[in-house]
Amino acid sequence: MTPLVTQHVKERKPFHLTATFSLLYQTHISKVVSCCYHQLRRIRQVRRHVGQDFAQQLVSSFILSRIDYCNSLLSCLPRSTIQPLQRVMNAAARVIMNLWLRDHVKPALKQLYWLPVEQRITYKLCLFMHHIHAKRAPEYLPDCVSTVSALGGRYRLRSTGSADYVLPRTRTKCRERGFSYCGQAAWNTLPSNLHDIRDIDKFRKRLKSVLFDRAYH
């Protein structure tokens, strides 16, 4: 292979990898969406025979659990890629609340206290980071991150005692989808008072409240 061809292949490789990963994510999301709509049609058939609370339990078990499964892998994807998952959630909210297709779904989502898909992904990432910060995570996860306070030089002078984490330098969007980047980025956006919470149940409640306010206010 000539040097010119080798250089051309190397230049094309990042784009090829990015395109391949995007197709894999889209295939995964399409399968999840298809499965969720199948379950939602079955729930719609019995909706008039059950109460709202029971319908919400059905949706949580058969729809939301599939949307949330391994959803941290979908971090930093374009909004258009994860939008089909949000449309599933909107459809599920309409079934629970007995809304027409033309009715606005945002008030229903707020009443159900559901985080949008994008915030649900952030929620999962922040939970992982909380386990790392509280030293309850498996050994391989802390090796992926580093705190600002643990570094020397200008970082330490700027953020002594900070609970923030250092974002690694990346050259491609594909690398930003890794936990070593998106997990730390999600954690750094949280208010500092959340960083100090050690109790996991309290952290979950406060975290959801913060993300809910960001999504709907």
C-alpha atoms as a PDB file:
ATOM      1  CA  MET A   1       0.000   0.000   0.000  1.00  0.00           C
ATOM      2  CA  THR A   2       1.437   3.350  -0.999  1.00  0.00           C
ATOM      3  CA  PRO A   3       1.983   6.107   1.570  1.00  0.00           C
ATOM      4  CA  LEU A   4      -0.679   8.225  -0.129  1.00  0.00           C
ATOM      5  CA  VAL A   5      -3.290   5.460   0.162  1.00  0.00           C
ATOM      6  CA  THR A   6      -2.253   4.739   3.744  1.00  0.00           C
ATOM      7  CA  GLN A   7      -2.681   8.389   4.657  1.00  0.00           C
ATOM      8  CA  HIS A   8      -6.074   8.447   2.944  1.00  0.00           C
ATOM      9  CA  VAL A   9      -7.261   5.393   4.917  1.00  0.00           C
ATOM     10  CA  LYS A  10      -6.094   6.896   8.207  1.00  0.00           C
ATOM     11  CA  GLU A  11      -7.945  10.112   7.470  1.00  0.00           C
ATOM     12  CA  ARG A  12     -11.144   8.219   6.720  1.00  0.00           C
ATOM     13  CA  LYS A  13     -11.003   5.884   9.706  1.00  0.00           C
ATOM     14  CA  PRO A  14     -12.496   8.200  12.387  1.00  0.00           C
ATOM     15  CA  PHE A  15     -15.461   8.997  10.152  1.00  0.00           C
ATOM     16  CA  HIS A  16     -15.938   5.300   9.391  1.00  0.00           C
ATOM     17  CA  LEU A  17     -15.921   4.375  13.074  1.00  0.00           C
ATOM     18  CA  THR A  18     -18.288   7.195  13.969  1.00  0.00           C
ATOM     19  CA  ALA A  19     -20.701   6.191  11.222  1.00  0.00           C
ATOM     20  CA  THR A  20     -20.535   2.527  12.283  1.00  0.00           C
ATOM     21  CA  PHE A  21     -21.278   3.311  15.927  1.00  0.00           C
ATOM     22  CA  SER A  22     -24.134   5.627  14.923  1.00  0.00           C
ATOM     23  CA  LEU A  23     -25.713   2.857  12.865  1.00  0.00           C
ATOM     24  CA  LEU A  24     -25.364   0.420  15.768  1.00  0.00           C
ATOM     25  CA  TYR A  25     -27.063   2.854  18.141  1.00  0.00           C
ATOM     26  CA  GLN A  26     -29.844   3.537  15.663  1.00  0.00           C
ATOM     27  CA  THR A  27     -30.424  -0.193  15.191  1.00  0.00           C
ATOM     28  CA  HIS A  28     -30.587  -0.726  18.940  1.00  0.00           C
ATOM     29  CA  ILE A  29     -32.982   2.191  19.420  1.00  0.00           C
ATOM     30  CA  SER A  30     -35.195   1.000  16.564  1.00  0.00           C
ATOM     31  CA  LYS A  31     -35.515  -2.444  18.179  1.00  0.00           C
ATOM     32  CA  VAL A  32     -36.336  -0.933  21.569  1.00  0.00           C
ATOM     33  CA  VAL A  33     -38.924   1.403  20.039  1.00  0.00           C
ATOM     34  CA  SER A  34     -40.545  -1.426  18.087  1.00  0.00           C
ATOM     35  CA  CYS A  35     -40.790  -3.593  21.200  1.00  0.00           C
ATOM     36  CA  CYS A  36     -42.184  -0.716  23.280  1.00  0.00           C
ATOM     37  CA  TYR A  37     -44.899   0.115  20.761  1.00  0.00           C
ATOM     38  CA  HIS A  38     -45.890  -3.552  20.677  1.00  0.00           C
ATOM     39  CA  GLN A  39     -46.312  -3.569  24.451  1.00  0.00           C
ATOM     40  CA  LEU A  40     -48.050  -0.197  24.375  1.00  0.00           C
ATOM     41  CA  ARG A  41     -50.680  -1.482  21.931  1.00  0.00           C
ATOM     42  CA  ARG A  42     -51.431  -4.321  24.332  1.00  0.00           C
ATOM     43  CA  ILE A  43     -51.721  -1.897  27.261  1.00  0.00           C
ATOM     44  CA  ARG A  44     -54.026   0.339  25.229  1.00  0.00           C
ATOM     45  CA  GLN A  45     -56.385  -2.592  24.685  1.00  0.00           C
ATOM     46  CA  VAL A  46     -56.961  -2.995  28.431  1.00  0.00           C
ATOM     47  CA  ARG A  47     -56.622   0.652  29.437  1.00  0.00           C
ATOM     48  CA  ARG A  48     -60.342   1.306  29.840  1.00  0.00           C
ATOM     49  CA  HIS A  49     -60.649  -1.722  32.142  1.00  0.00           C
ATOM     50  CA  VAL A  50     -57.981  -0.614  34.638  1.00  0.00           C
ATOM     51  CA  GLY A  51     -57.313   2.483  36.707  1.00  0.00           C
ATOM     52  CA  GLN A  52     -54.669   5.116  36.061  1.00  0.00           C
ATOM     53  CA  ASP A  53     -52.337   3.859  38.785  1.00  0.00           C
ATOM     54  CA  PHE A  54     -52.362   0.313  37.442  1.00  0.00           C
ATOM     55  CA  ALA A  55     -51.874   1.567  33.884  1.00  0.00           C
ATOM     56  CA  GLN A  56     -48.867   3.547  35.068  1.00  0.00           C
ATOM     57  CA  GLN A  57     -47.430   0.427  36.693  1.00  0.00           C
ATOM     58  CA  LEU A  58     -47.851  -1.484  33.427  1.00  0.00           C
ATOM     59  CA  VAL A  59     -46.073   1.246  31.486  1.00  0.00           C
ATOM     60  CA  SER A  60     -43.255   1.378  34.027  1.00  0.00           C
ATOM     61  CA  SER A  61     -42.766  -2.384  33.836  1.00  0.00           C
ATOM     62  CA  PHE A  62     -43.036  -2.891  30.084  1.00  0.00           C
ATOM     63  CA  ILE A  63     -42.066   0.467  28.547  1.00  0.00           C
ATOM     64  CA  LEU A  64     -39.894   2.596  30.830  1.00  0.00           C
ATOM     65  CA  SER A  65     -37.800  -0.368  31.962  1.00  0.00           C
ATOM     66  CA  ARG A  66     -36.823  -1.020  28.336  1.00  0.00           C
ATOM     67  CA  ILE A  67     -36.073   2.634  27.660  1.00  0.00           C
ATOM     68  CA  ASP A  68     -33.865   2.853  30.756  1.00  0.00           C
ATOM     69  CA  TYR A  69     -32.008  -0.419  30.218  1.00  0.00           C
ATOM     70  CA  CYS A  70     -28.322   0.384  29.539  1.00  0.00           C
ATOM     71  CA  ASN A  71     -29.387   3.884  28.470  1.00  0.00           C
ATOM     72  CA  SER A  72     -26.071   5.349  29.651  1.00  0.00           C
ATOM     73  CA  LEU A  73     -24.609   3.957  26.422  1.00  0.00           C
ATOM     74  CA  LEU A  74     -26.751   6.479  24.538  1.00  0.00           C
ATOM     75  CA  SER A  75     -25.094   9.502  26.136  1.00  0.00           C
ATOM     76  CA  CYS A  76     -23.906  12.349  23.922  1.00  0.00           C
ATOM     77  CA  LEU A  77     -25.872  11.055  20.933  1.00  0.00           C
ATOM     78  CA  PRO A  78     -27.621  13.627  18.735  1.00  0.00           C
ATOM     79  CA  ARG A  79     -31.079  14.534  19.996  1.00  0.00           C
ATOM     80  CA  SER A  80     -32.563  13.360  16.717  1.00  0.00           C
ATOM     81  CA  THR A  81     -31.189   9.852  17.360  1.00  0.00           C
ATOM     82  CA  ILE A  82     -32.854   9.433  20.764  1.00  0.00           C
ATOM     83  CA  GLN A  83     -36.031  11.286  19.767  1.00  0.00           C
ATOM     84  CA  PRO A  84     -37.860   8.020  18.851  1.00  0.00           C
ATOM     85  CA  LEU A  85     -37.504   6.928  22.484  1.00  0.00           C
ATOM     86  CA  GLN A  86     -39.022  10.210  23.622  1.00  0.00           C
ATOM     87  CA  ARG A  87     -41.938   9.717  21.228  1.00  0.00           C
ATOM     88  CA  VAL A  88     -42.563   6.332  22.858  1.00  0.00           C
ATOM     89  CA  MET A  89     -42.667   7.993  26.264  1.00  0.00           C
ATOM     90  CA  ASN A  90     -45.062  10.632  24.960  1.00  0.00           C
ATOM     91  CA  ALA A  91     -47.347   7.944  23.546  1.00  0.00           C
ATOM     92  CA  ALA A  92     -47.242   6.048  26.846  1.00  0.00           C
ATOM     93  CA  ALA A  93     -48.182   9.196  28.769  1.00  0.00           C
ATOM     94  CA  ARG A  94     -51.150   9.719  26.450  1.00  0.00           C
ATOM     95  CA  VAL A  95     -52.345   6.164  27.096  1.00  0.00           C
ATOM     96  CA  ILE A  96     -52.094   6.565  30.867  1.00  0.00           C
ATOM     97  CA  MET A  97     -53.791   9.974  30.943  1.00  0.00           C
ATOM     98  CA  ASN A  98     -56.362   9.129  28.227  1.00  0.00           C
ATOM     99  CA  LEU A  99     -55.237  11.977  25.999  1.00  0.00           C
ATOM    100  CA  TRP A 100     -56.004  12.508  22.348  1.00  0.00           C
ATOM    101  CA  LEU A 101     -53.188  12.617  19.821  1.00  0.00           C
ATOM    102  CA  ARG A 102     -53.565  16.396  19.433  1.00  0.00           C
ATOM    103  CA  ASP A 103     -53.456  17.086  23.160  1.00  0.00           C
ATOM    104  CA  HIS A 104     -50.267  18.581  24.559  1.00  0.00           C
ATOM    105  CA  VAL A 105     -48.308  15.868  26.311  1.00  0.00           C
ATOM    106  CA  LYS A 106     -45.914  18.011  28.357  1.00  0.00           C
ATOM    107  CA  PRO A 107     -48.408  18.650  31.207  1.00  0.00           C
ATOM    108  CA  ALA A 108     -49.004  14.883  31.396  1.00  0.00           C
ATOM    109  CA  LEU A 109     -45.286  14.159  31.622  1.00  0.00           C
ATOM    110  CA  LYS A 110     -44.956  16.694  34.422  1.00  0.00           C
ATOM    111  CA  GLN A 111     -47.937  15.246  36.273  1.00  0.00           C
ATOM    112  CA  LEU A 112     -46.473  11.749  36.002  1.00  0.00           C
ATOM    113  CA  TYR A 113     -43.139  13.155  37.244  1.00  0.00           C
ATOM    114  CA  TRP A 114     -41.266  11.566  34.348  1.00  0.00           C
ATOM    115  CA  LEU A 115     -37.866  12.746  33.249  1.00  0.00           C
ATOM    116  CA  PRO A 116     -37.418  13.081  29.473  1.00  0.00           C
ATOM    117  CA  VAL A 117     -35.138  10.535  27.818  1.00  0.00           C
ATOM    118  CA  GLU A 118     -32.186  12.915  27.663  1.00  0.00           C
ATOM    119  CA  GLN A 119     -32.402  13.606  31.410  1.00  0.00           C
ATOM    120  CA  ARG A 120     -32.913   9.917  32.167  1.00  0.00           C
ATOM    121  CA  ILE A 121     -29.558   9.228  30.545  1.00  0.00           C
ATOM    122  CA  THR A 122     -27.935  11.990  32.596  1.00  0.00           C
ATOM    123  CA  TYR A 123     -29.579  10.572  35.713  1.00  0.00           C
ATOM    124  CA  LYS A 124     -27.992   7.166  35.118  1.00  0.00           C
ATOM    125  CA  LEU A 125     -24.556   8.668  34.462  1.00  0.00           C
ATOM    126  CA  CYS A 126     -24.712  10.736  37.640  1.00  0.00           C
ATOM    127  CA  LEU A 127     -25.656   7.663  39.670  1.00  0.00           C
ATOM    128  CA  PHE A 128     -22.545   5.901  38.414  1.00  0.00           C
ATOM    129  CA  MET A 129     -20.463   8.966  39.272  1.00  0.00           C
ATOM    130  CA  HIS A 130     -22.016   9.137  42.738  1.00  0.00           C
ATOM    131  CA  HIS A 131     -20.946   5.548  43.414  1.00  0.00           C
ATOM    132  CA  ILE A 132     -17.430   6.492  42.329  1.00  0.00           C
ATOM    133  CA  HIS A 133     -17.413   9.658  44.436  1.00  0.00           C
ATOM    134  CA  ALA A 134     -18.701   7.773  47.493  1.00  0.00           C
ATOM    135  CA  LYS A 135     -16.130   4.994  46.887  1.00  0.00           C
ATOM    136  CA  ARG A 136     -18.770   2.314  46.359  1.00  0.00           C
ATOM    137  CA  ALA A 137     -18.021   1.571  42.693  1.00  0.00           C
ATOM    138  CA  PRO A 138     -16.110  -1.399  41.240  1.00  0.00           C
ATOM    139  CA  GLU A 139     -12.384  -0.793  40.919  1.00  0.00           C
ATOM    140  CA  TYR A 140     -12.422  -0.389  37.141  1.00  0.00           C
ATOM    141  CA  LEU A 141     -14.755   2.648  37.219  1.00  0.00           C
ATOM    142  CA  PRO A 142     -12.610   4.963  39.394  1.00  0.00           C
ATOM    143  CA  ASP A 143      -9.694   4.232  37.062  1.00  0.00           C
ATOM    144  CA  CYS A 144     -11.648   5.955  34.266  1.00  0.00           C
ATOM    145  CA  VAL A 145     -11.932   9.314  36.044  1.00  0.00           C
ATOM    146  CA  SER A 146      -9.818  11.797  37.968  1.00  0.00           C
ATOM    147  CA  THR A 147     -10.823  14.634  40.264  1.00  0.00           C
ATOM    148  CA  VAL A 148      -9.665  18.205  39.827  1.00  0.00           C
ATOM    149  CA  SER A 149      -8.463  18.327  43.440  1.00  0.00           C
ATOM    150  CA  ALA A 150      -6.203  15.317  42.842  1.00  0.00           C
ATOM    151  CA  LEU A 151      -4.221  17.123  40.161  1.00  0.00           C
ATOM    152  CA  GLY A 152      -1.417  19.581  40.680  1.00  0.00           C
ATOM    153  CA  GLY A 153      -0.493  22.818  38.971  1.00  0.00           C
ATOM    154  CA  ARG A 154      -3.074  25.226  37.669  1.00  0.00           C
ATOM    155  CA  TYR A 155      -5.967  22.805  38.251  1.00  0.00           C
ATOM    156  CA  ARG A 156      -5.263  22.584  41.964  1.00  0.00           C
ATOM    157  CA  LEU A 157      -4.879  26.329  42.337  1.00  0.00           C
ATOM    158  CA  ARG A 158      -8.163  26.917  40.555  1.00  0.00           C
ATOM    159  CA  SER A 159     -10.290  24.266  42.278  1.00  0.00           C
ATOM    160  CA  THR A 160      -8.752  23.170  45.569  1.00  0.00           C
ATOM    161  CA  GLY A 161     -11.209  20.882  47.327  1.00  0.00           C
ATOM    162  CA  SER A 162     -13.493  20.776  44.328  1.00  0.00           C
ATOM    163  CA  ALA A 163     -15.667  17.705  43.706  1.00  0.00           C
ATOM    164  CA  ASP A 164     -15.513  18.255  39.952  1.00  0.00           C
ATOM    165  CA  TYR A 165     -13.743  15.855  37.632  1.00  0.00           C
ATOM    166  CA  VAL A 166     -11.277  16.534  34.827  1.00  0.00           C
ATOM    167  CA  LEU A 167     -12.608  16.039  31.307  1.00  0.00           C
ATOM    168  CA  PRO A 168     -10.118  14.235  29.076  1.00  0.00           C
ATOM    169  CA  ARG A 169      -9.195  15.784  25.761  1.00  0.00           C
ATOM    170  CA  THR A 170     -10.952  14.185  22.810  1.00  0.00           C
ATOM    171  CA  ARG A 171     -10.587  14.629  19.083  1.00  0.00           C
ATOM    172  CA  THR A 172     -13.799  12.963  17.953  1.00  0.00           C
ATOM    173  CA  LYS A 173     -17.437  12.939  19.047  1.00  0.00           C
ATOM    174  CA  CYS A 174     -17.203   9.170  19.261  1.00  0.00           C
ATOM    175  CA  ARG A 175     -14.733   9.390  22.161  1.00  0.00           C
ATOM    176  CA  GLU A 176     -16.996  11.850  23.982  1.00  0.00           C
ATOM    177  CA  ARG A 177     -19.577   9.085  24.249  1.00  0.00           C
ATOM    178  CA  GLY A 178     -17.284   7.115  26.529  1.00  0.00           C
ATOM    179  CA  PHE A 179     -17.984   7.104  30.260  1.00  0.00           C
ATOM    180  CA  SER A 180     -14.605   8.697  31.021  1.00  0.00           C
ATOM    181  CA  TYR A 181     -15.905  11.852  29.329  1.00  0.00           C
ATOM    182  CA  CYS A 182     -19.702  11.943  29.458  1.00  0.00           C
ATOM    183  CA  GLY A 183     -19.914  10.638  33.032  1.00  0.00           C
ATOM    184  CA  GLN A 184     -17.616  13.329  34.364  1.00  0.00           C
ATOM    185  CA  ALA A 185     -19.271  15.992  32.200  1.00  0.00           C
ATOM    186  CA  ALA A 186     -22.707  15.097  33.602  1.00  0.00           C
ATOM    187  CA  TRP A 187     -21.403  15.180  37.183  1.00  0.00           C
ATOM    188  CA  ASN A 188     -19.743  18.554  36.717  1.00  0.00           C
ATOM    189  CA  THR A 189     -23.047  20.148  35.707  1.00  0.00           C
ATOM    190  CA  LEU A 190     -24.667  19.283  39.047  1.00  0.00           C
ATOM    191  CA  PRO A 191     -24.928  21.846  41.859  1.00  0.00           C
ATOM    192  CA  SER A 192     -22.119  21.540  44.373  1.00  0.00           C
ATOM    193  CA  ASN A 193     -24.522  20.710  47.226  1.00  0.00           C
ATOM    194  CA  LEU A 194     -25.420  17.453  45.449  1.00  0.00           C
ATOM    195  CA  HIS A 195     -21.765  16.415  45.370  1.00  0.00           C
ATOM    196  CA  ASP A 196     -21.678  16.344  49.166  1.00  0.00           C
ATOM    197  CA  ILE A 197     -24.638  13.955  49.595  1.00  0.00           C
ATOM    198  CA  ARG A 198     -23.458  10.483  50.584  1.00  0.00           C
ATOM    199  CA  ASP A 199     -26.796   8.749  51.150  1.00  0.00           C
ATOM    200  CA  ILE A 200     -27.825   7.135  47.859  1.00  0.00           C
ATOM    201  CA  ASP A 201     -31.597   7.438  48.391  1.00  0.00           C
ATOM    202  CA  LYS A 202     -31.350  11.112  49.248  1.00  0.00           C
ATOM    203  CA  PHE A 203     -29.068  11.673  46.276  1.00  0.00           C
ATOM    204  CA  ARG A 204     -31.527   9.980  43.915  1.00  0.00           C
ATOM    205  CA  LYS A 205     -34.391  12.187  45.060  1.00  0.00           C
ATOM    206  CA  ARG A 206     -32.403  15.416  44.876  1.00  0.00           C
ATOM    207  CA  LEU A 207     -30.889  14.470  41.531  1.00  0.00           C
ATOM    208  CA  LYS A 208     -34.269  13.743  39.973  1.00  0.00           C
ATOM    209  CA  SER A 209     -35.636  17.014  41.345  1.00  0.00           C
ATOM    210  CA  VAL A 210     -32.751  18.990  39.815  1.00  0.00           C
ATOM    211  CA  LEU A 211     -33.026  17.284  36.420  1.00  0.00           C
ATOM    212  CA  PHE A 212     -36.809  17.626  36.444  1.00  0.00           C
ATOM    213  CA  ASP A 213     -36.545  21.379  37.029  1.00  0.00           C
ATOM    214  CA  ARG A 214     -34.023  21.684  34.203  1.00  0.00           C
ATOM    215  CA  ALA A 215     -36.288  19.797  31.820  1.00  0.00           C
ATOM    216  CA  TYR A 216     -39.568  21.574  32.492  1.00  0.00           C
ATOM    217  CA  HIS A 217     -38.665  25.037  33.769  1.00  0.00           C
END
